[in-house]
Amino acid sequence: MAFWGVFYTIYSGIRRIAGQPPEEDTSDKEQKRSRTKKALGSEEEEGRISSLSDEDLRARNKVLEPKDEPSATLNVSSVDCQTKLNRKNHHTNEFEKAGNIYRRGQAFVIRVEFDREVKSDHDVILLQFTYGSRPQESKGTVIRIPLDLKPTTKTSDVTETWFAEVKNIAGKGLECAITSAPDSSIGEYRFYIETNLKDTDAVKRYEEKESMIILFNAWAKEDTVYMDKEEERGEYVLNETGRVWTSRTWYGRPWNFGQFDDPVLDVVLQLLLEGGLSDVACTSPVSVIRCLSSLCNSCDNNGVLAGRWTKEYPKDCTVPWKWTGSVAIIKEYHTNGNKPVRYGQCWVFSGLLTTMCRCLGIPTRSVTNFDSAHDTDSSMTIDSHWDEDGEPLEDMNDSVWNFHVWNESWFRRLDLPEGNDGWQAHDATPQEASEGIMRCGPAPLTAIKEGHVYLNFDIPFVFGEVNGDRVQWVVKKDGTMEVSQIDHSAVGHYISTKRMGSNDREDVTNLYKYPDGSEQERRVAKFVNRYSTRRKQNIYKLDTTKVLNFTVSPPDNTLIGDDMEIKVAVKNTADGPLKLHLTVSLVNAYYTGVAGSRVKTQTFEETIKAKDEKIVTMPVKGTEYHDGMNPEGRFQLYISGKNIDSGSMESTQISFVLKKPQLVIQVPQTIEAKEETEATIVFKNTTQLVLTQAEIAVEGSGLLAPQTIDISSPIKPGDEVKKTVVLRPRKPYYWGRELIATFTSKQIVDIETSADIKVIRQNKDNDSDSD
């Protein structure tokens, strides 16, 4: 028999090497079939096991059955999850959602009362946690931890990643600390207590009514989202408000992330289920972020928010610039049966995704890239086109957004080579599909900067946004084209995020790219061109010497509706004089770079001496741009200079936004919890325009639920509008609160403001419910 056993082992090994399954002994087959029948009840049932519903599978799982066999075995009388203490230690006490919300890789304490005194020499106690709709121990979704009833002795599950330690046994009570694995799946867990007597099978199993939720943990060194500094964790996980930059100023647009408000956590966890993430995928911030970035938008699987970039909007929707935060969006999605909310644009998608990631414990921030290219053909270059007279051909151009807002999250990339940890760029705005779904990233900033476009995920697209070269094409009368200029510094400017600990701007351009034109930046650009879809054109061999420098003074201090003056300084850097045909064109524009109606074009014939400079001026009256003006007050300026003698041409383009009236919030800096306090929002129309269909949107986490105030009457020039809202904070807060308001009308949008408010305990209130 030993000989035949060895022979069969060798024979089976040869079949495996040959790619064939090993033969199975007939008697073994029959034994296995018999065992299967016994376990399942019939052969027919064996064939149906994989199609069992979640409920049926759970019902057949013996370790989930409640057991209460009559014996001297301990009975659980009550379980004290010590929720308030644990939530404070786990930095989850700001959640409005009640219950046990913990962070993975960190201990939480429970106290169990039994029906009799616990005897360490006779009793056996085991803790069990289950995850997901189809928990199985073989899949790692049933975690069983036997307790050592000697205090201060740690025990673990079979993987030695979950731990338990009995802290104290006193009479009928037992106190125990449990530490989940630092790579636990994110989401809801069920909790059981098994009791038994040594050397018996009289098992009793108690299921705790309250489930628990486990989140990522930026405080645990073993967690991939760990951040080293407390101020970083406070900013990128706990801070409920922030700034999103939509214009090139030091002060960004206020945004209420509200990640701890109801029903944010419930909705985010439901999205992970709807996204089809496996139990294992829920351990990874990479998988979670790719899932959420696809479900923030509504392009696939009816996600949370629909995008729209048009001049006109339906009446029964919310236009993108009205949103003041994420909570109102999530509440509307939840209330309306998970139907997509209408509408958002890039900064709204980014604010929404920041909310979701911070809610789950992933350190995240919103980031704005100005002059952000949209590379549609993976060429990692951006094309713009001009006719032979220097007029821009806007319809042929690649899109360069005036600004684009995405997200960064901080975590280690276990799926990539070393050196790619840290901030990861990702984007929920639907632009291009990634693996067939509208999402982008996460892409390591280090890989973007070094041009490692062959790594995951979507690095070529983000690289094109921040560091693509703009190729200027001249379109001849016969339709043929030639490259007139390559601009190495046309995109990826003023990349901005909120500075940690303040509302000021932090420039993070250096995290994405080397300085434009530097030796390192050119090295990266040429390396990336090897992966371009148009690498065969080899545009970097073309000679495109630049002799003109254009310096534009945009009228961004001009109040919207007023006359403006555009000045362009043209410098000749050549060694001889140049006769130039200059063209300046002003176009109404959207922030996506899409041109609207043409406002005005003016040409100039100028001779500029060598190394000299001339300034040309184009005046524009308010009446010339009022009718076709985008309510953002945004314009695109195209400038070209054609050498009359040689026919060569150089060009540039910039965008700018006109100044708008101010919105002001009048409210005390300090208010008491559970007391009503009035806040007054004031708008004065300082323009020459009559403003109609005006609204004020206002919200503040912990202060006021999102609400909209309609202003029915037209607001004439010089008119002042005052609206009052009532704040009633439910508790005092360690972190300051922020009240945020926006003003919109048919003629002007994107006017926002905020006020910082400290909420303190009432003088008569002695209970300690603050954090």
Foldseek 3Di string as FASTA:
>chain_A
DVVVVVVLVVVQVVCVVVVHHRDDDPVVVVVVVVVVCVLQVHPVSVVCVVVDDLVVLLVSPVVNDFADFDDPKWDWPDKAQVQVVQCVVQVLLLAPDDAAEHAAQDKGKMKTFTPWADDQQWKWKKKWKADDSNGDVVVVRIFIWTERPPAPDKTGTPVRQKIKGWHDGDIRMTMMIIHHGLLAFFFKMWMKMWMDTPPDDRIGIDTDPTIHTYFHGLCHPVHQQHDDDPLLLCFQQPDQKAFAAPAPDFFGQIEGLLLNYPPNVVLLNVQCVLLVDDSNLSSDPFSSLQSLLQQLECPPPQHQAHEDDDQDDDPPADPAQQHRYQPVSSVVCVVVVNHHHDHHAQVNSARNSSSSCSSRPWRKFKKKWAQFFFDDQLQLAWEWEAELLQHGPLVPTGWGFRMGMWMWTFGQDPPDDPPQGTIFTWGSGQRDDWVNTRIWDRHRLVCLAQQVCVDDDRSSRRNSGAFHKYFYWYQYPVRDIDTQDIHRHSTGPQIWTADRPDRTIDGPSVSRYDPGPDPSRVVSNVVNSVVGPPVVVVVVVDDRDDFKDKDKDDQQAAEQLAKDKIKIKIFGQDQFKFWKKKKKWKFADDSRRRTWHTQDMDIDTDIAGHRGMDMDMDIHGSVSCQPGHRQQQKMKMKMKIAGPVPSRIDIGMHMHHHDYWAKDKDFDQEDEAQDKGKIKIKTFAQHQDWFAFKKKWKDKVQWGHIDIDTDHDIHHHGRMDMDMDITHGNHFEPDWIKMKMFMDTSRHGNHIDMGIHGYDHDPVDDDPPYD
